[in-house]
Structures are given as structure tokens and as C-alpha cells.
Amino acid sequence: AHLRHPHILPLFDSGTVDGLPYYVMPFIDGASLRRVLQQGP
């Protein structure tokens, strides 16, 4: 919630649901770096 940087997703919302904490952030469509690296160098 306190981080502000162009490469860090902001926190939109947070709370608890049935005792479980959650938070909401923007959805960025695309592959993870892990998935990209699995395809080779």
C-alpha cells in the first residue's frame, strides 16, 4: 500500500473474506518472466 513506483503494481483494495485477507491490484496480461525463460535464453 505504501510503494509508489512505475514498475510496482499499486494496491486498489484490500480486506478479509471469511477470515482470509486479500488484496486487489491491476491485472497485467502477459507471460511471467519465469515462463519466458522456460522457452530458452
Full PDB file with SEQRES, HELIX, SHEET, SSBOND, CRYST1, ORIGX, SCALE, CONECT and MASTER records, all heavy atoms in Angstrom:
SEQRES   1 A   41  ALA HIS LEU ARG HIS PRO HIS ILE LEU PRO LEU PHE ASP          
SEQRES   2 A   41  SER GLY THR VAL ASP GLY LEU PRO TYR TYR VAL MET PRO          
SEQRES   3 A   41  PHE ILE ASP GLY ALA SER LEU ARG ARG VAL LEU GLN GLN          
SEQRES   4 A   41  GLY PRO                                                      
HELIX    1 AA1 LEU A   33  GLN A   38  1                                   6    
SHEET    1 AA1 2 ASP A  13  VAL A  17  0                                        
SHEET    2 AA1 2 LEU A  20  VAL A  24 -1                                        
CRYST1    1.000    1.000    1.000  90.00  90.00  90.00 P 1           1          
ORIGX1      1.000000  0.000000  0.000000        0.00000                         
ORIGX2      0.000000  1.000000  0.000000        0.00000                         
ORIGX3      0.000000  0.000000  1.000000        0.00000                         
SCALE1      1.000000  0.000000  0.000000        0.00000                         
SCALE2      0.000000  1.000000  0.000000        0.00000                         
SCALE3      0.000000  0.000000  1.000000        0.00000                         
ATOM      1  N   ALA A   1       0.818  -1.219   0.000  1.00  0.00           N  
ATOM      2  CA  ALA A   1       0.000   0.000   0.000  1.00  0.00           C  
ATOM      3  C   ALA A   1       0.848   1.263   0.000  1.00  0.00           C  
ATOM      4  O   ALA A   1       0.393   2.316  -0.457  1.00  0.00           O  
ATOM      5  CB  ALA A   1      -0.932  -0.008   1.206  1.00  0.00           C  
ATOM      6  N   HIS A   2       2.086   1.181   0.480  1.00  0.00           N  
ATOM      7  CA  HIS A   2       2.938   2.362   0.580  1.00  0.00           C  
ATOM      8  C   HIS A   2       3.938   2.508  -0.565  1.00  0.00           C  
ATOM      9  O   HIS A   2       4.627   3.520  -0.642  1.00  0.00           O  
ATOM     10  CB  HIS A   2       3.693   2.343   1.908  1.00  0.00           C  
ATOM     11  CG  HIS A   2       2.784   2.495   3.084  1.00  0.00           C  
ATOM     12  ND1 HIS A   2       2.143   3.670   3.393  1.00  0.00           N  
ATOM     13  CD2 HIS A   2       2.376   1.597   4.013  1.00  0.00           C  
ATOM     14  CE1 HIS A   2       1.390   3.496   4.452  1.00  0.00           C  
ATOM     15  NE2 HIS A   2       1.513   2.240   4.851  1.00  0.00           N  
ATOM     16  N   LEU A   3       4.028   1.524  -1.425  1.00  0.00           N  
ATOM     17  CA  LEU A   3       5.002   1.572  -2.520  1.00  0.00           C  
ATOM     18  C   LEU A   3       4.466   2.376  -3.695  1.00  0.00           C  
ATOM     19  O   LEU A   3       3.318   2.203  -4.094  1.00  0.00           O  
ATOM     20  CB  LEU A   3       5.353   0.154  -2.978  1.00  0.00           C  
ATOM     21  CG  LEU A   3       6.024  -0.738  -1.940  1.00  0.00           C  
ATOM     22  CD1 LEU A   3       6.204  -2.144  -2.502  1.00  0.00           C  
ATOM     23  CD2 LEU A   3       7.356  -0.158  -1.496  1.00  0.00           C  
ATOM     24  N   ARG A   4       5.306   3.244  -4.237  1.00  0.00           N  
ATOM     25  CA  ARG A   4       4.946   4.028  -5.413  1.00  0.00           C  
ATOM     26  C   ARG A   4       6.107   3.972  -6.388  1.00  0.00           C  
ATOM     27  O   ARG A   4       7.163   4.565  -6.150  1.00  0.00           O  
ATOM     28  CB  ARG A   4       4.683   5.487  -5.039  1.00  0.00           C  
ATOM     29  CG  ARG A   4       3.572   5.697  -4.052  1.00  0.00           C  
ATOM     30  CD  ARG A   4       2.215   5.508  -4.734  1.00  0.00           C  
ATOM     31  NE  ARG A   4       1.136   5.723  -3.780  1.00  0.00           N  
ATOM     32  CZ  ARG A   4       0.509   4.758  -3.130  1.00  0.00           C  
ATOM     33  NH1 ARG A   4       0.849   3.509  -3.300  1.00  0.00           N  
ATOM     34  NH2 ARG A   4      -0.465   5.027  -2.299  1.00  0.00           N  
ATOM     35  N   HIS A   5       5.935   3.251  -7.473  1.00  0.00           N  
ATOM     36  CA  HIS A   5       6.982   3.140  -8.484  1.00  0.00           C  
ATOM     37  C   HIS A   5       6.319   2.660  -9.770  1.00  0.00           C  
ATOM     38  O   HIS A   5       5.395   1.852  -9.730  1.00  0.00           O  
ATOM     39  CB  HIS A   5       8.053   2.137  -8.028  1.00  0.00           C  
ATOM     40  CG  HIS A   5       9.253   2.136  -8.908  1.00  0.00           C  
ATOM     41  ND1 HIS A   5       9.318   1.423 -10.080  1.00  0.00           N  
ATOM     42  CD2 HIS A   5      10.437   2.774  -8.794  1.00  0.00           C  
ATOM     43  CE1 HIS A   5      10.492   1.613 -10.648  1.00  0.00           C  
ATOM     44  NE2 HIS A   5      11.187   2.423  -9.891  1.00  0.00           N  
ATOM     45  N   PRO A   6       6.776   3.121 -10.931  1.00  0.00           N  
ATOM     46  CA  PRO A   6       6.152   2.720 -12.198  1.00  0.00           C  
ATOM     47  C   PRO A   6       6.190   1.211 -12.455  1.00  0.00           C  
ATOM     48  O   PRO A   6       5.367   0.695 -13.195  1.00  0.00           O  
ATOM     49  CB  PRO A   6       6.976   3.451 -13.262  1.00  0.00           C  
ATOM     50  CG  PRO A   6       7.696   4.529 -12.562  1.00  0.00           C  
ATOM     51  CD  PRO A   6       7.830   4.119 -11.126  1.00  0.00           C  
ATOM     52  N   HIS A   7       7.128   0.493 -11.839  1.00  0.00           N  
ATOM     53  CA  HIS A   7       7.254  -0.944 -12.082  1.00  0.00           C  
ATOM     54  C   HIS A   7       6.664  -1.799 -10.964  1.00  0.00           C  
ATOM     55  O   HIS A   7       6.868  -3.009 -10.949  1.00  0.00           O  
ATOM     56  CB  HIS A   7       8.715  -1.317 -12.306  1.00  0.00           C  
ATOM     57  CG  HIS A   7       9.310  -0.643 -13.498  1.00  0.00           C  
ATOM     58  ND1 HIS A   7      10.650  -0.453 -13.662  1.00  0.00           N  
ATOM     59  CD2 HIS A   7       8.735  -0.087 -14.596  1.00  0.00           C  
ATOM     60  CE1 HIS A   7      10.882   0.178 -14.788  1.00  0.00           C  
ATOM     61  NE2 HIS A   7       9.723   0.413 -15.373  1.00  0.00           N  
ATOM     62  N   ILE A   8       5.968  -1.172 -10.026  1.00  0.00           N  
ATOM     63  CA  ILE A   8       5.322  -1.911  -8.941  1.00  0.00           C  
ATOM     64  C   ILE A   8       3.822  -1.667  -9.036  1.00  0.00           C  
ATOM     65  O   ILE A   8       3.371  -0.522  -9.100  1.00  0.00           O  
ATOM     66  CB  ILE A   8       5.857  -1.462  -7.564  1.00  0.00           C  
ATOM     67  CG1 ILE A   8       7.347  -1.760  -7.455  1.00  0.00           C  
ATOM     68  CG2 ILE A   8       5.089  -2.167  -6.444  1.00  0.00           C  
ATOM     69  CD1 ILE A   8       8.005  -1.237  -6.189  1.00  0.00           C  
ATOM     70  N   LEU A   9       3.067  -2.753  -9.054  1.00  0.00           N  
ATOM     71  CA  LEU A   9       1.613  -2.619  -9.158  1.00  0.00           C  
ATOM     72  C   LEU A   9       1.040  -1.965  -7.904  1.00  0.00           C  
ATOM     73  O   LEU A   9       1.386  -2.355  -6.791  1.00  0.00           O  
ATOM     74  CB  LEU A   9       0.968  -3.991  -9.343  1.00  0.00           C  
ATOM     75  CG  LEU A   9       1.313  -4.720 -10.632  1.00  0.00           C  
ATOM     76  CD1 LEU A   9       0.723  -6.123 -10.620  1.00  0.00           C  
ATOM     77  CD2 LEU A   9       0.815  -3.950 -11.824  1.00  0.00           C  
ATOM     78  N   PRO A  10       0.149  -0.993  -8.081  1.00  0.00           N  
ATOM     79  CA  PRO A  10      -0.461  -0.350  -6.913  1.00  0.00           C  
ATOM     80  C   PRO A  10      -1.539  -1.235  -6.293  1.00  0.00           C  
ATOM     81  O   PRO A  10      -2.098  -2.119  -6.944  1.00  0.00           O  
ATOM     82  CB  PRO A  10      -1.082   0.919  -7.496  1.00  0.00           C  
ATOM     83  CG  PRO A  10      -1.393   0.555  -8.913  1.00  0.00           C  
ATOM     84  CD  PRO A  10      -0.297  -0.398  -9.334  1.00  0.00           C  
ATOM     85  N   LEU A  11      -1.817  -0.982  -5.052  1.00  0.00           N  
ATOM     86  CA  LEU A  11      -2.886  -1.661  -4.325  1.00  0.00           C  
ATOM     87  C   LEU A  11      -4.184  -0.892  -4.581  1.00  0.00           C  
ATOM     88  O   LEU A  11      -4.245   0.315  -4.360  1.00  0.00           O  
ATOM     89  CB  LEU A  11      -2.555  -1.658  -2.833  1.00  0.00           C  
ATOM     90  CG  LEU A  11      -3.569  -2.308  -1.915  1.00  0.00           C  
ATOM     91  CD1 LEU A  11      -3.339  -3.810  -1.901  1.00  0.00           C  
ATOM     92  CD2 LEU A  11      -3.431  -1.751  -0.516  1.00  0.00           C  
ATOM     93  N   PHE A  12      -5.217  -1.575  -5.102  1.00  0.00           N  
ATOM     94  CA  PHE A  12      -6.514  -0.936  -5.331  1.00  0.00           C  
ATOM     95  C   PHE A  12      -7.426  -1.053  -4.120  1.00  0.00           C  
ATOM     96  O   PHE A  12      -8.185  -0.158  -3.797  1.00  0.00           O  
ATOM     97  CB  PHE A  12      -7.242  -1.585  -6.516  1.00  0.00           C  
ATOM     98  CG  PHE A  12      -6.743  -1.175  -7.881  1.00  0.00           C  
ATOM     99  CD1 PHE A  12      -7.101  -1.920  -8.988  1.00  0.00           C  
ATOM    100  CD2 PHE A  12      -5.946  -0.072  -8.077  1.00  0.00           C  
ATOM    101  CE1 PHE A  12      -6.681  -1.574 -10.254  1.00  0.00           C  
ATOM    102  CE2 PHE A  12      -5.517   0.292  -9.353  1.00  0.00           C  
ATOM    103  CZ  PHE A  12      -5.890  -0.468 -10.438  1.00  0.00           C  
ATOM    104  N   ASP A  13      -7.391  -2.223  -3.473  1.00  0.00           N  
ATOM    105  CA  ASP A  13      -8.356  -2.526  -2.421  1.00  0.00           C  
ATOM    106  C   ASP A  13      -7.789  -3.662  -1.583  1.00  0.00           C  
ATOM    107  O   ASP A  13      -6.904  -4.400  -2.033  1.00  0.00           O  
ATOM    108  CB  ASP A  13      -9.683  -2.953  -3.073  1.00  0.00           C  
ATOM    109  CG  ASP A  13     -10.850  -3.031  -2.093  1.00  0.00           C  
ATOM    110  OD1 ASP A  13     -10.729  -2.551  -0.947  1.00  0.00           O  
ATOM    111  OD2 ASP A  13     -11.896  -3.578  -2.492  1.00  0.00           O  
ATOM    112  N   SER A  14      -8.282  -3.822  -0.370  1.00  0.00           N  
ATOM    113  CA  SER A  14      -7.904  -4.969   0.457  1.00  0.00           C  
ATOM    114  C   SER A  14      -8.984  -5.191   1.497  1.00  0.00           C  
ATOM    115  O   SER A  14      -9.850  -4.350   1.697  1.00  0.00           O  
ATOM    116  CB  SER A  14      -6.545  -4.738   1.130  1.00  0.00           C  
ATOM    117  OG  SER A  14      -6.629  -3.697   2.092  1.00  0.00           O  
ATOM    118  N   GLY A  15      -8.917  -6.339   2.135  1.00  0.00           N  
ATOM    119  CA  GLY A  15      -9.876  -6.667   3.170  1.00  0.00           C  
ATOM    120  C   GLY A  15      -9.733  -8.116   3.582  1.00  0.00           C  
ATOM    121  O   GLY A  15      -8.689  -8.734   3.355  1.00  0.00           O  
ATOM    122  N   THR A  16     -10.768  -8.650   4.166  1.00  0.00           N  
ATOM    123  CA  THR A  16     -10.791 -10.067   4.511  1.00  0.00           C  
ATOM    124  C   THR A  16     -12.090 -10.668   4.002  1.00  0.00           C  
ATOM    125  O   THR A  16     -13.114  -9.999   3.937  1.00  0.00           O  
ATOM    126  CB  THR A  16     -10.684 -10.311   6.031  1.00  0.00           C  
ATOM    127  OG1 THR A  16     -11.750  -9.636   6.683  1.00  0.00           O  
ATOM    128  CG2 THR A  16      -9.362  -9.834   6.586  1.00  0.00           C  
ATOM    129  N   VAL A  17     -12.012 -11.918   3.627  1.00  0.00           N  
ATOM    130  CA  VAL A  17     -13.183 -12.658   3.182  1.00  0.00           C  
ATOM    131  C   VAL A  17     -13.166 -13.981   3.943  1.00  0.00           C  
ATOM    132  O   VAL A  17     -12.198 -14.729   3.859  1.00  0.00           O  
ATOM    133  CB  VAL A  17     -13.226 -12.841   1.648  1.00  0.00           C  
ATOM    134  CG1 VAL A  17     -11.969 -13.456   1.118  1.00  0.00           C  
ATOM    135  CG2 VAL A  17     -14.440 -13.632   1.215  1.00  0.00           C  
ATOM    136  N   ASP A  18     -14.173 -14.201   4.740  1.00  0.00           N  
ATOM    137  CA  ASP A  18     -14.277 -15.412   5.556  1.00  0.00           C  
ATOM    138  C   ASP A  18     -12.997 -15.641   6.359  1.00  0.00           C  
ATOM    139  O   ASP A  18     -12.509 -16.762   6.460  1.00  0.00           O  
ATOM    140  CB  ASP A  18     -14.610 -16.612   4.676  1.00  0.00           C  
ATOM    141  CG  ASP A  18     -15.123 -17.808   5.492  1.00  0.00           C  
ATOM    142  OD1 ASP A  18     -15.743 -17.586   6.545  1.00  0.00           O  
ATOM    143  OD2 ASP A  18     -14.876 -18.947   5.067  1.00  0.00           O  
ATOM    144  N   GLY A  19     -12.434 -14.570   6.910  1.00  0.00           N  
ATOM    145  CA  GLY A  19     -11.235 -14.656   7.723  1.00  0.00           C  
ATOM    146  C   GLY A  19      -9.931 -14.683   6.952  1.00  0.00           C  
ATOM    147  O   GLY A  19      -8.860 -14.707   7.553  1.00  0.00           O  
ATOM    148  N   LEU A  20      -9.990 -14.684   5.626  1.00  0.00           N  
ATOM    149  CA  LEU A  20      -8.774 -14.713   4.807  1.00  0.00           C  
ATOM    150  C   LEU A  20      -8.495 -13.322   4.235  1.00  0.00           C  
ATOM    151  O   LEU A  20      -9.345 -12.753   3.550  1.00  0.00           O  
ATOM    152  CB  LEU A  20      -8.925 -15.703   3.653  1.00  0.00           C  
ATOM    153  CG  LEU A  20      -9.143 -17.162   4.022  1.00  0.00           C  
ATOM    154  CD1 LEU A  20      -9.365 -17.998   2.773  1.00  0.00           C  
ATOM    155  CD2 LEU A  20      -7.969 -17.686   4.829  1.00  0.00           C  
ATOM    156  N   PRO A  21      -7.311 -12.773   4.499  1.00  0.00           N  
ATOM    157  CA  PRO A  21      -7.000 -11.470   3.916  1.00  0.00           C  
ATOM    158  C   PRO A  21      -6.775 -11.577   2.404  1.00  0.00           C  
ATOM    159  O   PRO A  21      -6.340 -12.617   1.905  1.00  0.00           O  
ATOM    160  CB  PRO A  21      -5.721 -11.043   4.634  1.00  0.00           C  
ATOM    161  CG  PRO A  21      -5.167 -12.254   5.261  1.00  0.00           C  
ATOM    162  CD  PRO A  21      -6.268 -13.256   5.388  1.00  0.00           C  
ATOM    163  N   TYR A  22      -7.099 -10.499   1.710  1.00  0.00           N  
ATOM    164  CA  TYR A  22      -6.896 -10.429   0.266  1.00  0.00           C  
ATOM    165  C   TYR A  22      -6.515  -9.007  -0.094  1.00  0.00           C  
ATOM    166  O   TYR A  22      -6.733  -8.071   0.682  1.00  0.00           O  
ATOM    167  CB  TYR A  22      -8.155 -10.835  -0.505  1.00  0.00           C  
ATOM    168  CG  TYR A  22      -9.265  -9.827  -0.395  1.00  0.00           C  
ATOM    169  CD1 TYR A  22      -9.386  -8.782  -1.310  1.00  0.00           C  
ATOM    170  CD2 TYR A  22     -10.212  -9.903   0.625  1.00  0.00           C  
ATOM    171  CE1 TYR A  22     -10.402  -7.840  -1.200  1.00  0.00           C  
ATOM    172  CE2 TYR A  22     -11.223  -8.975   0.742  1.00  0.00           C  
ATOM    173  CZ  TYR A  22     -11.318  -7.944  -0.172  1.00  0.00           C  
ATOM    174  OH  TYR A  22     -12.310  -7.010  -0.056  1.00  0.00           O  
ATOM    175  N   TYR A  23      -5.915  -8.862  -1.273  1.00  0.00           N  
ATOM    176  CA  TYR A  23      -5.771  -7.525  -1.822  1.00  0.00           C  
ATOM    177  C   TYR A  23      -5.959  -7.565  -3.326  1.00  0.00           C  
ATOM    178  O   TYR A  23      -5.799  -8.588  -3.963  1.00  0.00           O  
ATOM    179  CB  TYR A  23      -4.493  -6.809  -1.380  1.00  0.00           C  
ATOM    180  CG  TYR A  23      -3.159  -7.343  -1.831  1.00  0.00           C  
ATOM    181  CD1 TYR A  23      -2.540  -6.845  -2.973  1.00  0.00           C  
ATOM    182  CD2 TYR A  23      -2.470  -8.278  -1.067  1.00  0.00           C  
ATOM    183  CE1 TYR A  23      -1.281  -7.280  -3.356  1.00  0.00           C  
ATOM    184  CE2 TYR A  23      -1.205  -8.707  -1.435  1.00  0.00           C  
ATOM    185  CZ  TYR A  23      -0.615  -8.211  -2.579  1.00  0.00           C  
ATOM    186  OH  TYR A  23       0.631  -8.637  -2.951  1.00  0.00           O  
ATOM    187  N   VAL A  24      -6.329  -6.394  -3.853  1.00  0.00           N  
ATOM    188  CA  VAL A  24      -6.689  -6.247  -5.256  1.00  0.00           C  
ATOM    189  C   VAL A  24      -5.679  -5.318  -5.918  1.00  0.00           C  
ATOM    190  O   VAL A  24      -5.347  -4.262  -5.378  1.00  0.00           O  
ATOM    191  CB  VAL A  24      -8.115  -5.660  -5.400  1.00  0.00           C  
ATOM    192  CG1 VAL A  24      -8.499  -5.515  -6.862  1.00  0.00           C  
ATOM    193  CG2 VAL A  24      -9.125  -6.508  -4.636  1.00  0.00           C  
ATOM    194  N   MET A  25      -5.194  -5.737  -7.084  1.00  0.00           N  
ATOM    195  CA  MET A  25      -4.227  -4.954  -7.838  1.00  0.00           C  
ATOM    196  C   MET A  25      -4.606  -4.995  -9.314  1.00  0.00           C  
ATOM    197  O   MET A  25      -5.450  -5.798  -9.711  1.00  0.00           O  
ATOM    198  CB  MET A  25      -2.821  -5.499  -7.608  1.00  0.00           C  
ATOM    199  CG  MET A  25      -2.638  -6.953  -8.000  1.00  0.00           C  
ATOM    200  SD  MET A  25      -1.172  -7.653  -7.253  1.00  0.00           S  
ATOM    201  CE  MET A  25      -1.792  -9.258  -6.780  1.00  0.00           C  
ATOM    202  N   PRO A  26      -3.991  -4.162 -10.145  1.00  0.00           N  
ATOM    203  CA  PRO A  26      -4.303  -4.215 -11.571  1.00  0.00           C  
ATOM    204  C   PRO A  26      -3.936  -5.576 -12.153  1.00  0.00           C  
ATOM    205  O   PRO A  26      -2.985  -6.221 -11.705  1.00  0.00           O  
ATOM    206  CB  PRO A  26      -3.402  -3.138 -12.185  1.00  0.00           C  
ATOM    207  CG  PRO A  26      -2.950  -2.290 -11.066  1.00  0.00           C  
ATOM    208  CD  PRO A  26      -2.994  -3.132  -9.837  1.00  0.00           C  
ATOM    209  N   PHE A  27      -4.686  -5.993 -13.145  1.00  0.00           N  
ATOM    210  CA  PHE A  27      -4.345  -7.203 -13.887  1.00  0.00           C  
ATOM    211  C   PHE A  27      -3.506  -6.787 -15.084  1.00  0.00           C  
ATOM    212  O   PHE A  27      -3.910  -5.933 -15.872  1.00  0.00           O  
ATOM    213  CB  PHE A  27      -5.608  -7.935 -14.354  1.00  0.00           C  
ATOM    214  CG  PHE A  27      -5.321  -9.039 -15.336  1.00  0.00           C  
ATOM    215  CD1 PHE A  27      -4.656 -10.181 -14.929  1.00  0.00           C  
ATOM    216  CD2 PHE A  27      -5.691  -8.929 -16.671  1.00  0.00           C  
ATOM    217  CE1 PHE A  27      -4.366 -11.206 -15.830  1.00  0.00           C  
ATOM    218  CE2 PHE A  27      -5.418  -9.942 -17.574  1.00  0.00           C  
ATOM    219  CZ  PHE A  27      -4.757 -11.078 -17.144  1.00  0.00           C  
ATOM    220  N   ILE A  28      -2.336  -7.379 -15.209  1.00  0.00           N  
ATOM    221  CA  ILE A  28      -1.452  -7.130 -16.348  1.00  0.00           C  
ATOM    222  C   ILE A  28      -1.395  -8.412 -17.160  1.00  0.00           C  
ATOM    223  O   ILE A  28      -0.924  -9.440 -16.667  1.00  0.00           O  
ATOM    224  CB  ILE A  28      -0.026  -6.729 -15.899  1.00  0.00           C  
ATOM    225  CG1 ILE A  28      -0.055  -5.544 -14.936  1.00  0.00           C  
ATOM    226  CG2 ILE A  28       0.864  -6.463 -17.107  1.00  0.00           C  
ATOM    227  CD1 ILE A  28      -0.606  -4.272 -15.516  1.00  0.00           C  
ATOM    228  N   ASP A  29      -1.902  -8.366 -18.371  1.00  0.00           N  
ATOM    229  CA  ASP A  29      -1.936  -9.553 -19.222  1.00  0.00           C  
ATOM    230  C   ASP A  29      -0.556  -9.781 -19.835  1.00  0.00           C  
ATOM    231  O   ASP A  29       0.060  -8.854 -20.348  1.00  0.00           O  
ATOM    232  CB  ASP A  29      -2.979  -9.371 -20.327  1.00  0.00           C  
ATOM    233  CG  ASP A  29      -3.308 -10.661 -21.044  1.00  0.00           C  
ATOM    234  OD1 ASP A  29      -2.959 -11.737 -20.524  1.00  0.00           O  
ATOM    235  OD2 ASP A  29      -3.918 -10.590 -22.119  1.00  0.00           O  
ATOM    236  N   GLY A  30      -0.081 -10.989 -19.757  1.00  0.00           N  
ATOM    237  CA  GLY A  30       1.202 -11.314 -20.347  1.00  0.00           C  
ATOM    238  C   GLY A  30       1.840 -12.476 -19.619  1.00  0.00           C  
ATOM    239  O   GLY A  30       1.347 -12.941 -18.592  1.00  0.00           O  
ATOM    240  N   ALA A  31       2.946 -12.920 -20.142  1.00  0.00           N  
ATOM    241  CA  ALA A  31       3.652 -14.058 -19.561  1.00  0.00           C  
ATOM    242  C   ALA A  31       4.556 -13.591 -18.427  1.00  0.00           C  
ATOM    243  O   ALA A  31       5.084 -12.481 -18.455  1.00  0.00           O  
ATOM    244  CB  ALA A  31       4.488 -14.752 -20.629  1.00  0.00           C  
ATOM    245  N   SER A  32       4.741 -14.453 -17.455  1.00  0.00           N  
ATOM    246  CA  SER A  32       5.686 -14.157 -16.378  1.00  0.00           C  
ATOM    247  C   SER A  32       7.107 -14.311 -16.916  1.00  0.00           C  
ATOM    248  O   SER A  32       7.344 -14.990 -17.919  1.00  0.00           O  
ATOM    249  CB  SER A  32       5.467 -15.113 -15.208  1.00  0.00           C  
ATOM    250  OG  SER A  32       5.857 -16.435 -15.580  1.00  0.00           O  
ATOM    251  N   LEU A  33       8.057 -13.695 -16.219  1.00  0.00           N  
ATOM    252  CA  LEU A  33       9.457 -13.836 -16.610  1.00  0.00           C  
ATOM    253  C   LEU A  33       9.863 -15.305 -16.536  1.00  0.00           C  
ATOM    254  O   LEU A  33      10.586 -15.798 -17.405  1.00  0.00           O  
ATOM    255  CB  LEU A  33      10.355 -12.980 -15.715  1.00  0.00           C  
ATOM    256  CG  LEU A  33      11.845 -13.024 -16.024  1.00  0.00           C  
ATOM    257  CD1 LEU A  33      12.128 -12.615 -17.466  1.00  0.00           C  
ATOM    258  CD2 LEU A  33      12.609 -12.139 -15.044  1.00  0.00           C  
ATOM    259  N   ARG A  34       9.377 -16.018 -15.546  1.00  0.00           N  
ATOM    260  CA  ARG A  34       9.674 -17.451 -15.426  1.00  0.00           C  
ATOM    261  C   ARG A  34       9.233 -18.200 -16.685  1.00  0.00           C  
ATOM    262  O   ARG A  34       9.966 -19.009 -17.233  1.00  0.00           O  
ATOM    263  CB  ARG A  34       8.989 -18.038 -14.198  1.00  0.00           C  
ATOM    264  CG  ARG A  34       9.153 -19.562 -14.102  1.00  0.00           C  
ATOM    265  CD  ARG A  34       8.484 -20.124 -12.892  1.00  0.00           C  
ATOM    266  NE  ARG A  34       9.291 -19.700 -11.750  1.00  0.00           N  
ATOM    267  CZ  ARG A  34       8.902 -19.772 -10.495  1.00  0.00           C  
ATOM    268  NH1 ARG A  34       7.729 -20.234 -10.196  1.00  0.00           N  
ATOM    269  NH2 ARG A  34       9.684 -19.385  -9.528  1.00  0.00           N  
ATOM    270  N   ARG A  35       8.033 -17.912 -17.147  1.00  0.00           N  
ATOM    271  CA  ARG A  35       7.513 -18.601 -18.337  1.00  0.00           C  
ATOM    272  C   ARG A  35       8.319 -18.244 -19.587  1.00  0.00           C  
ATOM    273  O   ARG A  35       8.602 -19.089 -20.418  1.00  0.00           O  
ATOM    274  CB  ARG A  35       6.043 -18.269 -18.542  1.00  0.00           C  
ATOM    275  CG  ARG A  35       5.422 -19.103 -19.659  1.00  0.00           C  
ATOM    276  CD  ARG A  35       3.933 -19.002 -19.694  1.00  0.00           C  
ATOM    277  NE  ARG A  35       3.381 -19.641 -18.504  1.00  0.00           N  
ATOM    278  CZ  ARG A  35       2.187 -19.369 -18.006  1.00  0.00           C  
ATOM    279  NH1 ARG A  35       1.422 -18.484 -18.581  1.00  0.00           N  
ATOM    280  NH2 ARG A  35       1.744 -19.988 -16.933  1.00  0.00           N  
ATOM    281  N   VAL A  36       8.711 -16.979 -19.696  1.00  0.00           N  
ATOM    282  CA  VAL A  36       9.513 -16.547 -20.842  1.00  0.00           C  
ATOM    283  C   VAL A  36      10.860 -17.268 -20.839  1.00  0.00           C  
ATOM    284  O   VAL A  36      11.320 -17.765 -21.873  1.00  0.00           O  
ATOM    285  CB  VAL A  36       9.715 -15.004 -20.824  1.00  0.00           C  
ATOM    286  CG1 VAL A  36      10.756 -14.567 -21.836  1.00  0.00           C  
ATOM    287  CG2 VAL A  36       8.385 -14.299 -21.087  1.00  0.00           C  
ATOM    288  N   LEU A  37      11.493 -17.370 -19.675  1.00  0.00           N  
ATOM    289  CA  LEU A  37      12.810 -18.012 -19.586  1.00  0.00           C  
ATOM    290  C   LEU A  37      12.740 -19.516 -19.814  1.00  0.00           C  
ATOM    291  O   LEU A  37      13.725 -20.125 -20.235  1.00  0.00           O  
ATOM    292  CB  LEU A  37      13.454 -17.706 -18.233  1.00  0.00           C  
ATOM    293  CG  LEU A  37      13.864 -16.247 -18.033  1.00  0.00           C  
ATOM    294  CD1 LEU A  37      14.369 -16.027 -16.618  1.00  0.00           C  
ATOM    295  CD2 LEU A  37      14.873 -15.809 -19.068  1.00  0.00           C  
ATOM    296  N   GLN A  38      11.603 -20.124 -19.572  1.00  0.00           N  
ATOM    297  CA  GLN A  38      11.444 -21.555 -19.832  1.00  0.00           C  
ATOM    298  C   GLN A  38      11.491 -21.868 -21.318  1.00  0.00           C  
ATOM    299  O   GLN A  38      11.742 -22.999 -21.717  1.00  0.00           O  
ATOM    300  CB  GLN A  38      10.135 -22.076 -19.228  1.00  0.00           C  
ATOM    301  CG  GLN A  38      10.174 -22.175 -17.725  1.00  0.00           C  
ATOM    302  CD  GLN A  38       8.810 -22.514 -17.114  1.00  0.00           C  
ATOM    303  OE1 GLN A  38       7.770 -22.401 -17.762  1.00  0.00           O  
ATOM    304  NE2 GLN A  38       8.833 -22.920 -15.865  1.00  0.00           N  
ATOM    305  N   GLN A  39      11.262 -20.870 -22.144  1.00  0.00           N  
ATOM    306  CA  GLN A  39      11.287 -21.065 -23.592  1.00  0.00           C  
ATOM    307  C   GLN A  39      12.710 -21.004 -24.159  1.00  0.00           C  
ATOM    308  O   GLN A  39      12.911 -21.218 -25.335  1.00  0.00           O  
ATOM    309  CB  GLN A  39      10.403 -20.025 -24.272  1.00  0.00           C  
ATOM    310  CG  GLN A  39       8.951 -20.151 -23.884  1.00  0.00           C  
ATOM    311  CD  GLN A  39       8.108 -19.009 -24.417  1.00  0.00           C  
ATOM    312  OE1 GLN A  39       8.592 -18.120 -25.103  1.00  0.00           O  
ATOM    313  NE2 GLN A  39       6.825 -19.039 -24.101  1.00  0.00           N  
ATOM    314  N   GLY A  40      13.677 -20.704 -23.307  1.00  0.00           N  
ATOM    315  CA  GLY A  40      15.062 -20.662 -23.747  1.00  0.00           C  
ATOM    316  C   GLY A  40      15.704 -19.334 -23.426  1.00  0.00           C  
ATOM    317  O   GLY A  40      15.041 -18.404 -22.945  1.00  0.00           O  
ATOM    318  N   PRO A  41      17.001 -19.230 -23.692  1.00  0.00           N  
ATOM    319  CA  PRO A  41      17.722 -17.993 -23.376  1.00  0.00           C  
ATOM    320  C   PRO A  41      17.186 -16.813 -24.182  1.00  0.00           C  
ATOM    321  O   PRO A  41      16.759 -16.965 -25.322  1.00  0.00           O  
ATOM    322  CB  PRO A  41      19.168 -18.291 -23.761  1.00  0.00           C  
ATOM    323  CG  PRO A  41      19.239 -19.730 -24.118  1.00  0.00           C  
ATOM    324  CD  PRO A  41      17.850 -20.249 -24.278  1.00  0.00           C  
TER     325      PRO A  41                                                      
MASTER        0    0    0    1    2    0    0    6  324    1    0    4          
END                                                                             
